[in-house]
Amino acid sequence: MAKEETVRGALIIRWGQQGRPNWNKEQTVGLCVQVDANFSRQGLTPAPKFRRAIARNDARYIATWVMGCHFPWLNPR
């Protein structure tokens, strides 16, 4: 799967296009949900467990998933 075809990859591309802003955890969570919604409208499901967590409004899972992505602005490796 190409980088732009994943939630993480698509968000990192957006981050770069927007001048590498210093998004906080809450902003990053919201943006990941937006990116997944964009994929959903295209009929794509690159992160099915993440999408199910969104549908359940499982904030704990969503936050854990986002932190596990190791975004360069939030929690780089």
N, C-alpha and C. Protein backbone atom coordinates (compact mmCIF):
# COMPACT_ATOMS: atom_id res chain seq x y z
N MET A 1 0.85 -1.18 0.00
CA MET A 1 0.00 0.00 0.00
C MET A 1 0.90 1.24 0.00
N ALA A 2 0.61 2.15 -0.90
CA ALA A 2 1.38 3.39 -1.01
C ALA A 2 1.10 4.29 0.19
N LYS A 3 2.05 5.14 0.50
CA LYS A 3 1.95 6.03 1.66
C LYS A 3 0.67 6.85 1.65
N GLU A 4 0.29 7.36 0.48
CA GLU A 4 -0.90 8.21 0.42
C GLU A 4 -2.19 7.40 0.55
N GLU A 5 -2.08 6.09 0.57
CA GLU A 5 -3.24 5.22 0.69
C GLU A 5 -3.47 4.74 2.13
N THR A 6 -2.75 5.30 3.08
CA THR A 6 -2.95 4.97 4.48
C THR A 6 -3.37 6.24 5.23
N VAL A 7 -4.05 6.07 6.34
CA VAL A 7 -4.44 7.24 7.13
C VAL A 7 -3.19 7.99 7.58
N ARG A 8 -2.24 7.27 8.13
CA ARG A 8 -1.00 7.90 8.59
C ARG A 8 -0.29 8.62 7.45
N GLY A 9 -0.11 7.92 6.35
CA GLY A 9 0.61 8.49 5.22
C GLY A 9 -0.09 9.71 4.63
N ALA A 10 -1.40 9.62 4.49
CA ALA A 10 -2.16 10.76 3.94
C ALA A 10 -2.06 11.97 4.86
N LEU A 11 -2.07 11.73 6.17
CA LEU A 11 -1.97 12.86 7.10
C LEU A 11 -0.56 13.46 7.10
N ILE A 12 0.45 12.63 6.98
CA ILE A 12 1.82 13.15 6.91
C ILE A 12 2.00 13.99 5.64
N ILE A 13 1.41 13.56 4.54
CA ILE A 13 1.46 14.36 3.31
C ILE A 13 0.77 15.70 3.52
N ARG A 14 -0.41 15.69 4.13
CA ARG A 14 -1.14 16.94 4.41
C ARG A 14 -0.31 17.85 5.30
N TRP A 15 0.33 17.28 6.32
CA TRP A 15 1.18 18.03 7.25
C TRP A 15 2.28 18.76 6.48
N GLY A 16 2.93 18.05 5.57
CA GLY A 16 3.99 18.66 4.77
C GLY A 16 3.46 19.76 3.86
N GLN A 17 2.31 19.52 3.26
CA GLN A 17 1.72 20.51 2.36
C GLN A 17 1.29 21.77 3.10
N GLN A 18 0.98 21.64 4.39
CA GLN A 18 0.53 22.79 5.18
C GLN A 18 1.66 23.45 5.95
N GLY A 19 2.90 23.14 5.61
CA GLY A 19 4.04 23.81 6.21
C GLY A 19 4.51 23.20 7.52
N ARG A 20 4.18 21.95 7.75
CA ARG A 20 4.61 21.21 8.94
C ARG A 20 4.18 21.88 10.26
N PRO A 21 2.87 22.10 10.42
CA PRO A 21 2.39 22.70 11.67
C PRO A 21 2.61 21.78 12.86
N ASN A 22 2.64 22.34 14.02
CA ASN A 22 2.86 21.60 15.26
C ASN A 22 1.50 21.21 15.87
N TRP A 23 0.81 20.28 15.22
CA TRP A 23 -0.49 19.85 15.70
C TRP A 23 -0.35 19.12 17.03
N ASN A 24 -1.30 19.34 17.93
CA ASN A 24 -1.29 18.61 19.20
C ASN A 24 -2.07 17.30 19.04
N LYS A 25 -2.16 16.55 20.11
CA LYS A 25 -2.80 15.22 20.05
C LYS A 25 -4.26 15.33 19.62
N GLU A 26 -4.99 16.27 20.19
CA GLU A 26 -6.41 16.40 19.87
C GLU A 26 -6.61 16.77 18.40
N GLN A 27 -5.79 17.68 17.90
CA GLN A 27 -5.88 18.06 16.49
C GLN A 27 -5.55 16.86 15.60
N THR A 28 -4.54 16.12 15.99
CA THR A 28 -4.12 14.97 15.19
C THR A 28 -5.22 13.91 15.16
N VAL A 29 -5.85 13.66 16.29
CA VAL A 29 -6.96 12.71 16.33
C VAL A 29 -8.06 13.17 15.37
N GLY A 30 -8.45 14.43 15.48
CA GLY A 30 -9.50 14.96 14.61
C GLY A 30 -9.15 14.87 13.14
N LEU A 31 -7.90 15.15 12.82
CA LEU A 31 -7.46 15.08 11.43
C LEU A 31 -7.43 13.64 10.92
N CYS A 32 -7.04 12.71 11.77
CA CYS A 32 -7.07 11.29 11.38
C CYS A 32 -8.50 10.85 11.08
N VAL A 33 -9.44 11.30 11.90
CA VAL A 33 -10.85 10.97 11.66
C VAL A 33 -11.29 11.58 10.33
N GLN A 34 -10.88 12.81 10.05
CA GLN A 34 -11.22 13.44 8.76
C GLN A 34 -10.63 12.68 7.58
N VAL A 35 -9.37 12.29 7.71
CA VAL A 35 -8.71 11.56 6.64
C VAL A 35 -9.43 10.23 6.40
N ASP A 36 -9.81 9.55 7.47
CA ASP A 36 -10.53 8.29 7.30
C ASP A 36 -11.89 8.53 6.65
N ALA A 37 -12.56 9.62 7.00
CA ALA A 37 -13.85 9.95 6.37
C ALA A 37 -13.66 10.18 4.87
N ASN A 38 -12.57 10.81 4.48
CA ASN A 38 -12.27 11.00 3.06
C ASN A 38 -12.09 9.66 2.36
N PHE A 39 -11.38 8.76 3.00
CA PHE A 39 -11.21 7.42 2.44
C PHE A 39 -12.55 6.71 2.32
N SER A 40 -13.38 6.85 3.34
CA SER A 40 -14.70 6.21 3.33
C SER A 40 -15.53 6.69 2.15
N ARG A 41 -15.51 7.99 1.88
CA ARG A 41 -16.26 8.54 0.74
C ARG A 41 -15.76 7.98 -0.59
N GLN A 42 -14.50 7.56 -0.61
CA GLN A 42 -13.92 6.98 -1.83
C GLN A 42 -14.13 5.46 -1.89
N GLY A 43 -14.77 4.92 -0.85
CA GLY A 43 -15.00 3.48 -0.81
C GLY A 43 -13.79 2.69 -0.36
N LEU A 44 -12.85 3.35 0.31
CA LEU A 44 -11.61 2.71 0.76
C LEU A 44 -11.63 2.55 2.28
N THR A 45 -10.99 1.47 2.74
CA THR A 45 -10.90 1.21 4.18
C THR A 45 -9.48 0.78 4.52
N PRO A 46 -8.52 1.73 4.58
CA PRO A 46 -7.15 1.35 4.85
C PRO A 46 -6.89 0.95 6.30
N ALA A 47 -7.76 1.36 7.23
CA ALA A 47 -7.57 1.05 8.65
C ALA A 47 -8.92 0.61 9.24
N PRO A 48 -9.33 -0.64 8.97
CA PRO A 48 -10.67 -1.07 9.38
C PRO A 48 -10.94 -1.03 10.88
N LYS A 49 -9.96 -1.38 11.69
CA LYS A 49 -10.17 -1.34 13.15
C LYS A 49 -10.33 0.11 13.62
N PHE A 50 -9.56 1.01 13.04
CA PHE A 50 -9.67 2.42 13.38
C PHE A 50 -11.06 2.92 13.01
N ARG A 51 -11.54 2.56 11.83
CA ARG A 51 -12.87 2.99 11.41
C ARG A 51 -13.95 2.44 12.32
N ARG A 52 -13.83 1.20 12.72
CA ARG A 52 -14.83 0.62 13.66
C ARG A 52 -14.79 1.36 14.99
N ALA A 53 -13.60 1.73 15.45
CA ALA A 53 -13.48 2.49 16.71
C ALA A 53 -14.16 3.85 16.58
N ILE A 54 -14.03 4.47 15.42
CA ILE A 54 -14.71 5.75 15.19
C ILE A 54 -16.22 5.54 15.27
N ALA A 55 -16.70 4.49 14.62
CA ALA A 55 -18.14 4.21 14.63
C ALA A 55 -18.66 3.96 16.04
N ARG A 56 -17.84 3.34 16.89
CA ARG A 56 -18.21 3.06 18.29
C ARG A 56 -17.96 4.26 19.20
N ASN A 57 -17.33 5.30 18.65
CA ASN A 57 -16.93 6.46 19.44
C ASN A 57 -16.01 6.03 20.59
N ASP A 58 -15.09 5.13 20.28
CA ASP A 58 -14.15 4.58 21.25
C ASP A 58 -12.91 5.48 21.33
N ALA A 59 -13.04 6.54 22.10
CA ALA A 59 -11.98 7.55 22.18
C ALA A 59 -10.65 6.97 22.66
N ARG A 60 -10.71 6.02 23.55
CA ARG A 60 -9.48 5.42 24.06
C ARG A 60 -8.72 4.68 22.96
N TYR A 61 -9.43 3.86 22.19
CA TYR A 61 -8.78 3.14 21.10
C TYR A 61 -8.24 4.12 20.06
N ILE A 62 -9.04 5.12 19.70
CA ILE A 62 -8.64 6.09 18.70
C ILE A 62 -7.36 6.80 19.12
N ALA A 63 -7.31 7.26 20.36
CA ALA A 63 -6.12 7.97 20.85
C ALA A 63 -4.90 7.04 20.88
N THR A 64 -5.10 5.80 21.29
CA THR A 64 -4.00 4.84 21.32
C THR A 64 -3.50 4.57 19.91
N TRP A 65 -4.42 4.43 18.97
CA TRP A 65 -4.06 4.18 17.59
C TRP A 65 -3.23 5.34 17.04
N VAL A 66 -3.70 6.55 17.28
CA VAL A 66 -2.99 7.75 16.79
C VAL A 66 -1.59 7.82 17.38
N MET A 67 -1.46 7.60 18.67
CA MET A 67 -0.14 7.67 19.30
C MET A 67 0.78 6.55 18.79
N GLY A 68 0.20 5.43 18.41
CA GLY A 68 0.98 4.33 17.86
C GLY A 68 1.52 4.60 16.46
N CYS A 69 0.97 5.60 15.81
CA CYS A 69 1.42 5.95 14.45
C CYS A 69 2.77 6.65 14.43
N HIS A 70 3.20 7.20 15.55
CA HIS A 70 4.48 7.91 15.65
C HIS A 70 4.59 9.01 14.59
N PHE A 71 3.65 9.93 14.63
CA PHE A 71 3.70 11.08 13.73
C PHE A 71 4.91 11.95 14.08
N PRO A 72 5.60 12.49 13.07
CA PRO A 72 6.82 13.27 13.33
C PRO A 72 6.61 14.49 14.21
N TRP A 73 5.44 15.09 14.19
CA TRP A 73 5.16 16.28 15.00
C TRP A 73 4.64 15.95 16.38
N LEU A 74 4.26 14.72 16.61
CA LEU A 74 3.59 14.37 17.86
C LEU A 74 4.45 13.46 18.74
N ASN A 75 4.89 12.38 18.19
CA ASN A 75 5.68 11.43 18.97
C ASN A 75 6.60 10.62 18.06
N PRO A 76 7.61 11.28 17.50
CA PRO A 76 8.50 10.58 16.58
C PRO A 76 9.24 9.45 17.26
N ARG A 77 9.66 8.52 16.46
CA ARG A 77 10.43 7.38 16.99
C ARG A 77 11.84 7.78 17.30
